[in-house]
Amino acid sequence: MSRALGPVILICGLILAGCGFEPLYGERDQAVATENLLNRVAVPPIENRVGQLARIELTNRLTPTRPAPTPLFTLNVKLSESKTSLAVEKDSSATRANLTIAANFELLRISDGARLTSGSVRSVNSYDVLQSDFATLAAERNAQRRGAKDVADGIVDRLAIYLLRNQDTLLTGQAR
């Protein structure tokens, strides 16, 4: 069995090497690191408390070092939040709820205002609806923090992939 495993590992290694796999945040020959482009994204204020939480998470991920370099891009984000009751009791009171946060975003080039990419991200987080109003409010706020973090992670992942694929054309002209 060990003799058959060696050629299988070798073949898998060759296939992986030929697929074009490369690290997202690594340096490439003749290229700018993706994290250097992410550092150049400015995030204007986002409405509501969940928007503030999402902006903090986005800023912490995009520009982890301070001071941030001069921005080349602006990331506009619009959030919507909705609650859905789950696990309804016989007396019509809910014991569980889902908090859905949806974010629509667009990346703009500051120099000419061109929209480079856009997309949407969604996060659904559950929390308990308890008899204590304070405990329910604390659980809901915790769900908001988790949702803001999830949304920020999704946006940064999509931006990183976009910037990696288009870094050659972003600084010089038009992106695909």
N, C-alpha and C. Protein backbone atom coordinates (compact mmCIF):
# COMPACT_ATOMS: atom_id res chain seq x y z
N MET A 1 0.81 -1.18 0.00
CA MET A 1 0.00 0.00 0.00
C MET A 1 0.86 1.25 0.00
N SER A 2 2.00 1.24 0.68
CA SER A 2 2.87 2.41 0.73
C SER A 2 3.55 2.66 -0.62
N ARG A 3 3.75 1.60 -1.41
CA ARG A 3 4.35 1.78 -2.74
C ARG A 3 3.39 2.52 -3.67
N ALA A 4 2.12 2.28 -3.54
CA ALA A 4 1.14 2.94 -4.40
C ALA A 4 0.92 4.40 -3.97
N LEU A 5 1.19 4.71 -2.71
CA LEU A 5 0.96 6.05 -2.20
C LEU A 5 1.98 7.05 -2.74
N GLY A 6 3.21 6.65 -2.96
CA GLY A 6 4.26 7.54 -3.46
C GLY A 6 3.92 8.16 -4.81
N PRO A 7 3.59 7.34 -5.83
CA PRO A 7 3.23 7.93 -7.12
C PRO A 7 1.98 8.80 -7.07
N VAL A 8 1.02 8.46 -6.22
CA VAL A 8 -0.20 9.27 -6.10
C VAL A 8 0.15 10.65 -5.55
N ILE A 9 1.00 10.71 -4.54
CA ILE A 9 1.42 12.00 -3.96
C ILE A 9 2.19 12.81 -5.00
N LEU A 10 3.06 12.16 -5.75
CA LEU A 10 3.83 12.85 -6.79
C LEU A 10 2.90 13.43 -7.86
N ILE A 11 1.93 12.65 -8.30
CA ILE A 11 0.99 13.12 -9.32
C ILE A 11 0.16 14.29 -8.80
N CYS A 12 -0.30 14.19 -7.55
CA CYS A 12 -1.08 15.28 -6.95
C CYS A 12 -0.24 16.55 -6.85
N GLY A 13 1.02 16.42 -6.49
CA GLY A 13 1.91 17.57 -6.42
C GLY A 13 2.11 18.23 -7.76
N LEU A 14 2.27 17.43 -8.81
CA LEU A 14 2.43 17.98 -10.16
C LEU A 14 1.16 18.68 -10.64
N ILE A 15 0.02 18.10 -10.34
CA ILE A 15 -1.25 18.72 -10.74
C ILE A 15 -1.41 20.06 -10.02
N LEU A 16 -1.13 20.09 -8.72
CA LEU A 16 -1.26 21.32 -7.95
C LEU A 16 -0.28 22.39 -8.46
N ALA A 17 0.92 22.00 -8.82
CA ALA A 17 1.90 22.96 -9.33
C ALA A 17 1.48 23.52 -10.68
N GLY A 18 0.77 22.77 -11.47
CA GLY A 18 0.36 23.21 -12.80
C GLY A 18 -0.96 23.94 -12.85
N CYS A 19 -1.67 24.05 -11.73
CA CYS A 19 -3.00 24.64 -11.77
C CYS A 19 -2.98 26.16 -11.68
N GLY A 20 -1.83 26.76 -11.45
CA GLY A 20 -1.75 28.21 -11.34
C GLY A 20 -2.00 28.72 -9.94
N PHE A 21 -2.01 27.84 -8.96
CA PHE A 21 -2.21 28.23 -7.57
C PHE A 21 -1.08 29.14 -7.13
N GLU A 22 -1.44 30.24 -6.49
CA GLU A 22 -0.45 31.14 -5.91
C GLU A 22 -1.07 31.81 -4.70
N PRO A 23 -0.27 32.18 -3.72
CA PRO A 23 -0.82 32.78 -2.51
C PRO A 23 -1.42 34.16 -2.79
N LEU A 24 -2.53 34.47 -2.13
CA LEU A 24 -3.23 35.71 -2.35
C LEU A 24 -2.43 36.91 -1.86
N TYR A 25 -1.78 36.80 -0.71
CA TYR A 25 -1.07 37.92 -0.13
C TYR A 25 0.44 37.87 -0.37
N GLY A 26 0.92 36.92 -1.14
CA GLY A 26 2.35 36.78 -1.38
C GLY A 26 2.85 37.71 -2.46
N GLU A 27 4.14 37.90 -2.48
CA GLU A 27 4.78 38.71 -3.53
C GLU A 27 4.89 37.88 -4.79
N ARG A 28 4.65 38.51 -5.93
CA ARG A 28 4.82 37.85 -7.21
C ARG A 28 5.91 38.61 -7.96
N ASP A 29 6.51 37.94 -8.94
CA ASP A 29 7.51 38.60 -9.76
C ASP A 29 6.87 39.77 -10.49
N GLN A 30 7.53 40.92 -10.48
CA GLN A 30 7.08 42.10 -11.20
C GLN A 30 5.67 42.53 -10.80
N ALA A 31 5.26 42.33 -9.57
CA ALA A 31 3.91 42.69 -9.17
C ALA A 31 3.90 43.33 -7.79
N VAL A 32 2.85 44.07 -7.51
CA VAL A 32 2.66 44.70 -6.21
C VAL A 32 1.91 43.72 -5.32
N ALA A 33 2.29 43.63 -4.06
CA ALA A 33 1.59 42.74 -3.14
C ALA A 33 0.14 43.21 -2.98
N THR A 34 -0.78 42.27 -2.89
CA THR A 34 -2.19 42.59 -2.75
C THR A 34 -2.45 43.43 -1.50
N GLU A 35 -1.73 43.14 -0.43
CA GLU A 35 -1.96 43.90 0.80
C GLU A 35 -1.54 45.36 0.64
N ASN A 36 -0.59 45.66 -0.25
CA ASN A 36 -0.23 47.05 -0.51
C ASN A 36 -1.35 47.78 -1.23
N LEU A 37 -2.08 47.09 -2.09
CA LEU A 37 -3.24 47.70 -2.74
C LEU A 37 -4.41 47.82 -1.77
N LEU A 38 -4.60 46.83 -0.90
CA LEU A 38 -5.67 46.92 0.10
C LEU A 38 -5.44 48.10 1.04
N ASN A 39 -4.17 48.41 1.34
CA ASN A 39 -3.85 49.56 2.20
C ASN A 39 -4.31 50.87 1.58
N ARG A 40 -4.51 50.90 0.28
CA ARG A 40 -4.85 52.13 -0.44
C ARG A 40 -6.36 52.32 -0.61
N VAL A 41 -7.16 51.52 0.11
CA VAL A 41 -8.62 51.62 0.02
C VAL A 41 -9.13 52.40 1.23
N ALA A 42 -9.85 53.49 0.96
CA ALA A 42 -10.47 54.29 2.02
C ALA A 42 -11.93 53.88 2.17
N VAL A 43 -12.40 53.85 3.40
CA VAL A 43 -13.79 53.48 3.68
C VAL A 43 -14.49 54.67 4.35
N PRO A 44 -15.39 55.35 3.62
CA PRO A 44 -16.13 56.45 4.24
C PRO A 44 -17.12 55.92 5.28
N PRO A 45 -17.64 56.80 6.14
CA PRO A 45 -18.60 56.35 7.16
C PRO A 45 -19.81 55.65 6.55
N ILE A 46 -20.30 54.65 7.29
CA ILE A 46 -21.47 53.87 6.89
C ILE A 46 -22.57 54.15 7.92
N GLU A 47 -23.81 54.28 7.46
CA GLU A 47 -24.93 54.63 8.34
C GLU A 47 -25.20 53.57 9.40
N ASN A 48 -25.76 54.01 10.52
CA ASN A 48 -26.26 53.18 11.62
C ASN A 48 -25.13 52.54 12.43
N ARG A 49 -25.52 51.95 13.54
CA ARG A 49 -24.55 51.32 14.44
C ARG A 49 -23.88 50.12 13.79
N VAL A 50 -24.63 49.30 13.08
CA VAL A 50 -24.04 48.14 12.41
C VAL A 50 -23.05 48.63 11.34
N GLY A 51 -23.37 49.74 10.69
CA GLY A 51 -22.45 50.31 9.72
C GLY A 51 -21.15 50.78 10.36
N GLN A 52 -21.25 51.36 11.55
CA GLN A 52 -20.05 51.76 12.28
C GLN A 52 -19.19 50.54 12.61
N LEU A 53 -19.84 49.48 13.08
CA LEU A 53 -19.10 48.26 13.41
C LEU A 53 -18.44 47.67 12.17
N ALA A 54 -19.17 47.64 11.05
CA ALA A 54 -18.62 47.10 9.81
C ALA A 54 -17.45 47.96 9.33
N ARG A 55 -17.57 49.28 9.43
CA ARG A 55 -16.48 50.16 8.99
C ARG A 55 -15.22 49.95 9.83
N ILE A 56 -15.40 49.80 11.13
CA ILE A 56 -14.24 49.53 12.01
C ILE A 56 -13.55 48.23 11.59
N GLU A 57 -14.35 47.19 11.35
CA GLU A 57 -13.78 45.90 10.93
C GLU A 57 -13.08 46.03 9.57
N LEU A 58 -13.70 46.74 8.63
CA LEU A 58 -13.10 46.93 7.30
C LEU A 58 -11.78 47.70 7.41
N THR A 59 -11.79 48.78 8.17
CA THR A 59 -10.58 49.59 8.32
C THR A 59 -9.47 48.79 8.97
N ASN A 60 -9.80 48.00 9.97
CA ASN A 60 -8.78 47.18 10.64
C ASN A 60 -8.17 46.15 9.70
N ARG A 61 -8.94 45.64 8.76
CA ARG A 61 -8.43 44.63 7.83
C ARG A 61 -7.72 45.25 6.62
N LEU A 62 -8.23 46.38 6.14
CA LEU A 62 -7.64 46.99 4.95
C LEU A 62 -6.36 47.76 5.27
N THR A 63 -6.35 48.49 6.35
CA THR A 63 -5.18 49.29 6.71
C THR A 63 -4.75 48.97 8.15
N PRO A 64 -4.16 47.79 8.36
CA PRO A 64 -3.79 47.42 9.73
C PRO A 64 -2.65 48.26 10.30
N THR A 65 -1.83 48.85 9.45
CA THR A 65 -0.75 49.69 9.94
C THR A 65 -1.16 51.15 9.80
N ARG A 66 -0.79 51.94 10.76
CA ARG A 66 -1.12 53.35 10.74
C ARG A 66 0.17 54.15 10.70
N PRO A 67 0.26 55.28 10.08
CA PRO A 67 -0.79 55.89 9.30
C PRO A 67 -0.95 55.20 7.96
N ALA A 68 -2.16 55.26 7.45
CA ALA A 68 -2.45 54.63 6.16
C ALA A 68 -1.86 55.48 5.03
N PRO A 69 -1.39 54.83 3.95
CA PRO A 69 -0.89 55.60 2.81
C PRO A 69 -2.03 56.34 2.11
N THR A 70 -1.68 57.25 1.23
CA THR A 70 -2.67 58.01 0.48
C THR A 70 -3.57 57.04 -0.28
N PRO A 71 -4.90 57.16 -0.09
CA PRO A 71 -5.80 56.20 -0.75
C PRO A 71 -5.89 56.43 -2.26
N LEU A 72 -6.00 55.34 -2.98
CA LEU A 72 -6.22 55.37 -4.42
C LEU A 72 -7.66 54.98 -4.76
N PHE A 73 -8.31 54.28 -3.82
CA PHE A 73 -9.65 53.74 -4.06
C PHE A 73 -10.56 54.10 -2.89
N THR A 74 -11.85 54.15 -3.17
CA THR A 74 -12.88 54.36 -2.14
C THR A 74 -13.82 53.17 -2.18
N LEU A 75 -14.14 52.66 -1.01
CA LEU A 75 -15.07 51.55 -0.87
C LEU A 75 -16.36 52.08 -0.26
N ASN A 76 -17.41 52.15 -1.05
CA ASN A 76 -18.72 52.59 -0.56
C ASN A 76 -19.53 51.35 -0.19
N VAL A 77 -20.11 51.37 1.00
CA VAL A 77 -20.87 50.22 1.50
C VAL A 77 -22.24 50.71 1.99
N LYS A 78 -23.28 49.99 1.61
CA LYS A 78 -24.63 50.24 2.11
C LYS A 78 -25.11 48.95 2.77
N LEU A 79 -25.58 49.08 4.01
CA LEU A 79 -26.02 47.92 4.78
C LEU A 79 -27.53 47.95 4.98
N SER A 80 -28.11 46.78 5.04
CA SER A 80 -29.51 46.64 5.48
C SER A 80 -29.56 45.52 6.50
N GLU A 81 -30.45 45.68 7.44
CA GLU A 81 -30.54 44.74 8.56
C GLU A 81 -31.99 44.32 8.73
N SER A 82 -32.23 43.01 8.93
CA SER A 82 -33.58 42.53 9.16
C SER A 82 -33.56 41.42 10.20
N LYS A 83 -34.67 41.30 10.93
CA LYS A 83 -34.82 40.27 11.95
C LYS A 83 -35.97 39.35 11.58
N THR A 84 -35.78 38.06 11.83
CA THR A 84 -36.81 37.07 11.58
C THR A 84 -36.97 36.23 12.84
N SER A 85 -38.21 36.10 13.30
CA SER A 85 -38.47 35.29 14.49
C SER A 85 -38.50 33.81 14.12
N LEU A 86 -37.88 33.01 14.96
CA LEU A 86 -37.87 31.56 14.79
C LEU A 86 -38.37 30.93 16.08
N ALA A 87 -38.59 29.67 16.05
CA ALA A 87 -38.97 28.91 17.25
C ALA A 87 -40.07 29.62 18.04
N VAL A 88 -41.23 29.73 17.43
CA VAL A 88 -42.36 30.43 18.05
C VAL A 88 -43.10 29.47 18.99
N GLU A 89 -43.39 29.96 20.17
CA GLU A 89 -44.11 29.17 21.18
C GLU A 89 -45.62 29.22 20.91
N LYS A 90 -46.39 28.47 21.68
CA LYS A 90 -47.84 28.42 21.51
C LYS A 90 -48.49 29.77 21.73
N ASP A 91 -47.91 30.58 22.63
CA ASP A 91 -48.48 31.91 22.89
C ASP A 91 -47.97 32.97 21.92
N SER A 92 -47.39 32.56 20.81
CA SER A 92 -46.88 33.43 19.74
C SER A 92 -45.64 34.23 20.12
N SER A 93 -44.97 33.84 21.17
CA SER A 93 -43.72 34.52 21.53
C SER A 93 -42.55 33.74 20.93
N ALA A 94 -41.58 34.48 20.42
CA ALA A 94 -40.42 33.85 19.80
C ALA A 94 -39.36 33.57 20.85
N THR A 95 -38.65 32.47 20.69
CA THR A 95 -37.55 32.15 21.59
C THR A 95 -36.20 32.19 20.88
N ARG A 96 -36.23 32.38 19.58
CA ARG A 96 -35.01 32.44 18.78
C ARG A 96 -35.26 33.40 17.63
N ALA A 97 -34.22 34.09 17.19
CA ALA A 97 -34.36 35.03 16.08
C ALA A 97 -33.11 34.99 15.21
N ASN A 98 -33.29 35.30 13.95
CA ASN A 98 -32.17 35.46 13.01
C ASN A 98 -32.02 36.93 12.69
N LEU A 99 -30.78 37.39 12.71
CA LEU A 99 -30.46 38.75 12.29
C LEU A 99 -29.69 38.64 10.98
N THR A 100 -30.26 39.21 9.91
CA THR A 100 -29.63 39.16 8.59
C THR A 100 -29.08 40.54 8.27
N ILE A 101 -27.81 40.59 7.93
CA ILE A 101 -27.17 41.83 7.51
C ILE A 101 -26.71 41.63 6.07
N ALA A 102 -27.21 42.49 5.20
CA ALA A 102 -26.83 42.43 3.79
C ALA A 102 -26.05 43.70 3.46
N ALA A 103 -24.96 43.54 2.74
CA ALA A 103 -24.12 44.68 2.36
C ALA A 103 -23.93 44.70 0.86
N ASN A 104 -24.19 45.85 0.26
CA ASN A 104 -23.86 46.10 -1.13
C ASN A 104 -22.66 47.03 -1.14
N PHE A 105 -21.66 46.69 -1.93
CA PHE A 105 -20.45 47.52 -1.93
C PHE A 105 -20.01 47.80 -3.35
N GLU A 106 -19.25 48.89 -3.49
CA GLU A 106 -18.63 49.22 -4.77
C GLU A 106 -17.28 49.85 -4.51
N LEU A 107 -16.32 49.49 -5.34
CA LEU A 107 -14.96 50.03 -5.25
C LEU A 107 -14.79 51.04 -6.38
N LEU A 108 -14.45 52.27 -6.00
CA LEU A 108 -14.27 53.35 -6.96
C LEU A 108 -12.81 53.79 -6.99
N ARG A 109 -12.33 54.14 -8.17
CA ARG A 109 -11.00 54.74 -8.29
C ARG A 109 -11.15 56.22 -8.01
N ILE A 110 -10.36 56.76 -7.09
CA ILE A 110 -10.48 58.15 -6.67
C ILE A 110 -10.12 59.10 -7.81
N SER A 111 -9.11 58.77 -8.60
CA SER A 111 -8.62 59.69 -9.62
C SER A 111 -9.67 60.06 -10.66
N ASP A 112 -10.49 59.12 -11.09
CA ASP A 112 -11.48 59.42 -12.12
C ASP A 112 -12.90 59.02 -11.73
N GLY A 113 -13.09 58.48 -10.55
CA GLY A 113 -14.42 58.09 -10.09
C GLY A 113 -14.99 56.85 -10.75
N ALA A 114 -14.16 56.12 -11.49
CA ALA A 114 -14.63 54.92 -12.20
C ALA A 114 -14.97 53.82 -11.20
N ARG A 115 -16.11 53.17 -11.45
CA ARG A 115 -16.49 52.02 -10.62
C ARG A 115 -15.72 50.81 -11.12
N LEU A 116 -14.90 50.24 -10.25
CA LEU A 116 -14.05 49.12 -10.62
C LEU A 116 -14.73 47.78 -10.42
N THR A 117 -15.40 47.62 -9.31
CA THR A 117 -16.11 46.37 -9.03
C THR A 117 -17.20 46.66 -8.01
N SER A 118 -18.15 45.77 -7.95
CA SER A 118 -19.23 45.88 -6.97
C SER A 118 -19.70 44.48 -6.62
N GLY A 119 -20.45 44.38 -5.57
CA GLY A 119 -20.96 43.08 -5.18
C GLY A 119 -21.81 43.19 -3.93
N SER A 120 -22.21 42.04 -3.43
CA SER A 120 -23.00 42.01 -2.21
C SER A 120 -22.55 40.83 -1.35
N VAL A 121 -22.70 41.02 -0.06
CA VAL A 121 -22.34 40.01 0.93
C VAL A 121 -23.47 39.96 1.94
N ARG A 122 -23.73 38.77 2.46
CA ARG A 122 -24.82 38.60 3.42
C ARG A 122 -24.35 37.74 4.58
N SER A 123 -24.82 38.08 5.76
CA SER A 123 -24.51 37.31 6.97
C SER A 123 -25.79 37.09 7.75
N VAL A 124 -25.99 35.87 8.21
CA VAL A 124 -27.15 35.53 9.04
C VAL A 124 -26.63 35.00 10.37
N ASN A 125 -27.04 35.63 11.47
CA ASN A 125 -26.63 35.23 12.81
C ASN A 125 -27.85 35.04 13.68
N SER A 126 -27.86 33.98 14.46
CA SER A 126 -28.98 33.69 15.35
C SER A 126 -28.67 34.15 16.76
N TYR A 127 -29.74 34.44 17.50
CA TYR A 127 -29.60 34.76 18.91
C TYR A 127 -30.87 34.35 19.63
N ASP A 128 -30.76 34.18 20.95
CA ASP A 128 -31.89 33.78 21.77
C ASP A 128 -32.72 34.99 22.16
N VAL A 129 -34.03 34.84 22.12
CA VAL A 129 -34.95 35.85 22.64
C VAL A 129 -35.35 35.35 24.02
N LEU A 130 -34.91 36.07 25.04
CA LEU A 130 -35.12 35.64 26.42
C LEU A 130 -36.21 36.46 27.09
N GLN A 131 -36.58 36.07 28.29
CA GLN A 131 -37.61 36.81 29.03
C GLN A 131 -37.08 38.16 29.49
N SER A 132 -35.82 38.25 29.74
CA SER A 132 -35.20 39.51 30.15
C SER A 132 -34.91 40.36 28.91
N ASP A 133 -35.47 41.57 28.89
CA ASP A 133 -35.24 42.46 27.76
C ASP A 133 -33.75 42.82 27.61
N PHE A 134 -33.08 43.01 28.74
CA PHE A 134 -31.67 43.35 28.71
C PHE A 134 -30.84 42.21 28.10
N ALA A 135 -31.14 41.00 28.51
CA ALA A 135 -30.40 39.85 27.98
C ALA A 135 -30.66 39.67 26.48
N THR A 136 -31.88 39.91 26.06
CA THR A 136 -32.21 39.82 24.63
C THR A 136 -31.47 40.90 23.84
N LEU A 137 -31.43 42.12 24.39
CA LEU A 137 -30.72 43.22 23.72
C LEU A 137 -29.23 42.91 23.63
N ALA A 138 -28.65 42.35 24.69
CA ALA A 138 -27.23 41.99 24.66
C ALA A 138 -26.96 40.90 23.62
N ALA A 139 -27.85 39.93 23.52
CA ALA A 139 -27.70 38.86 22.53
C ALA A 139 -27.83 39.42 21.11
N GLU A 140 -28.76 40.35 20.92
CA GLU A 140 -28.94 40.96 19.59
C GLU A 140 -27.72 41.79 19.20
N ARG A 141 -27.17 42.53 20.13
CA ARG A 141 -25.96 43.33 19.83
C ARG A 141 -24.77 42.44 19.51
N ASN A 142 -24.68 41.32 20.20
CA ASN A 142 -23.62 40.37 19.90
C ASN A 142 -23.78 39.82 18.49
N ALA A 143 -25.02 39.54 18.10
CA ALA A 143 -25.28 39.07 16.73
C ALA A 143 -24.92 40.15 15.72
N GLN A 144 -25.17 41.42 16.05
CA GLN A 144 -24.79 42.52 15.17
C GLN A 144 -23.27 42.59 14.99
N ARG A 145 -22.53 42.44 16.08
CA ARG A 145 -21.06 42.46 16.00
C ARG A 145 -20.54 41.30 15.15
N ARG A 146 -21.10 40.12 15.35
CA ARG A 146 -20.68 38.97 14.54
C ARG A 146 -21.02 39.17 13.08
N GLY A 147 -22.21 39.73 12.81
CA GLY A 147 -22.62 39.98 11.43
C GLY A 147 -21.74 41.02 10.76
N ALA A 148 -21.40 42.09 11.48
CA ALA A 148 -20.53 43.12 10.91
C ALA A 148 -19.15 42.54 10.59
N LYS A 149 -18.66 41.68 11.45
CA LYS A 149 -17.36 41.03 11.20
C LYS A 149 -17.43 40.11 9.98
N ASP A 150 -18.51 39.32 9.88
CA ASP A 150 -18.68 38.43 8.74
C ASP A 150 -18.76 39.19 7.43
N VAL A 151 -19.54 40.28 7.43
CA VAL A 151 -19.70 41.10 6.23
C VAL A 151 -18.36 41.71 5.83
N ALA A 152 -17.63 42.24 6.81
CA ALA A 152 -16.32 42.84 6.51
C ALA A 152 -15.36 41.80 5.95
N ASP A 153 -15.35 40.60 6.53
CA ASP A 153 -14.49 39.53 6.02
C ASP A 153 -14.82 39.20 4.57
N GLY A 154 -16.12 39.10 4.26
CA GLY A 154 -16.54 38.78 2.91
C GLY A 154 -16.15 39.85 1.91
N ILE A 155 -16.32 41.11 2.29
CA ILE A 155 -15.96 42.22 1.40
C ILE A 155 -14.46 42.25 1.16
N VAL A 156 -13.67 42.11 2.22
CA VAL A 156 -12.21 42.14 2.06
C VAL A 156 -11.73 40.97 1.20
N ASP A 157 -12.30 39.80 1.38
CA ASP A 157 -11.93 38.65 0.55
C ASP A 157 -12.19 38.95 -0.93
N ARG A 158 -13.36 39.48 -1.23
CA ARG A 158 -13.69 39.78 -2.63
C ARG A 158 -12.80 40.88 -3.20
N LEU A 159 -12.52 41.90 -2.38
CA LEU A 159 -11.62 42.96 -2.85
C LEU A 159 -10.22 42.43 -3.10
N ALA A 160 -9.73 41.58 -2.21
CA ALA A 160 -8.38 41.03 -2.37
C ALA A 160 -8.28 40.22 -3.66
N ILE A 161 -9.28 39.43 -3.94
CA ILE A 161 -9.27 38.63 -5.18
C ILE A 161 -9.32 39.56 -6.39
N TYR A 162 -10.19 40.57 -6.34
CA TYR A 162 -10.28 41.50 -7.46
C TYR A 162 -8.96 42.24 -7.68
N LEU A 163 -8.36 42.74 -6.60
CA LEU A 163 -7.11 43.49 -6.71
C LEU A 163 -5.98 42.60 -7.21
N LEU A 164 -5.95 41.35 -6.77
CA LEU A 164 -4.92 40.42 -7.23
C LEU A 164 -5.04 40.19 -8.74
N ARG A 165 -6.25 39.98 -9.21
CA ARG A 165 -6.46 39.68 -10.63
C ARG A 165 -6.23 40.89 -11.53
N ASN A 166 -6.42 42.09 -10.99
CA ASN A 166 -6.38 43.29 -11.83
C ASN A 166 -5.28 44.26 -11.46
N GLN A 167 -4.30 43.84 -10.67
CA GLN A 167 -3.31 44.80 -10.19
C GLN A 167 -2.48 45.42 -11.30
N ASP A 168 -2.28 44.70 -12.39
CA ASP A 168 -1.48 45.25 -13.48
C ASP A 168 -2.17 46.44 -14.14
N THR A 169 -3.48 46.40 -14.24
CA THR A 169 -4.20 47.46 -14.94
C THR A 169 -4.76 48.53 -14.01
N LEU A 170 -4.85 48.27 -12.72
CA LEU A 170 -5.46 49.22 -11.80
C LEU A 170 -4.69 50.53 -11.70
N LEU A 171 -3.40 50.44 -11.64
CA LEU A 171 -2.61 51.65 -11.44
C LEU A 171 -2.37 52.40 -12.74
N THR A 172 -2.54 51.73 -13.87
CA THR A 172 -2.22 52.36 -15.15
C THR A 172 -3.44 52.76 -15.95
N GLY A 173 -4.55 52.08 -15.79
CA GLY A 173 -5.69 52.39 -16.65
C GLY A 173 -6.93 51.68 -16.24
N GLN A 174 -7.51 50.97 -17.19
CA GLN A 174 -8.80 50.38 -16.97
C GLN A 174 -8.67 48.96 -16.45
N ALA A 175 -9.55 48.61 -15.55
CA ALA A 175 -9.58 47.24 -15.01
C ALA A 175 -10.64 46.45 -15.74
N ARG A 176 -10.50 45.12 -15.70
CA ARG A 176 -11.51 44.30 -16.37
C ARG A 176 -12.66 44.01 -15.47
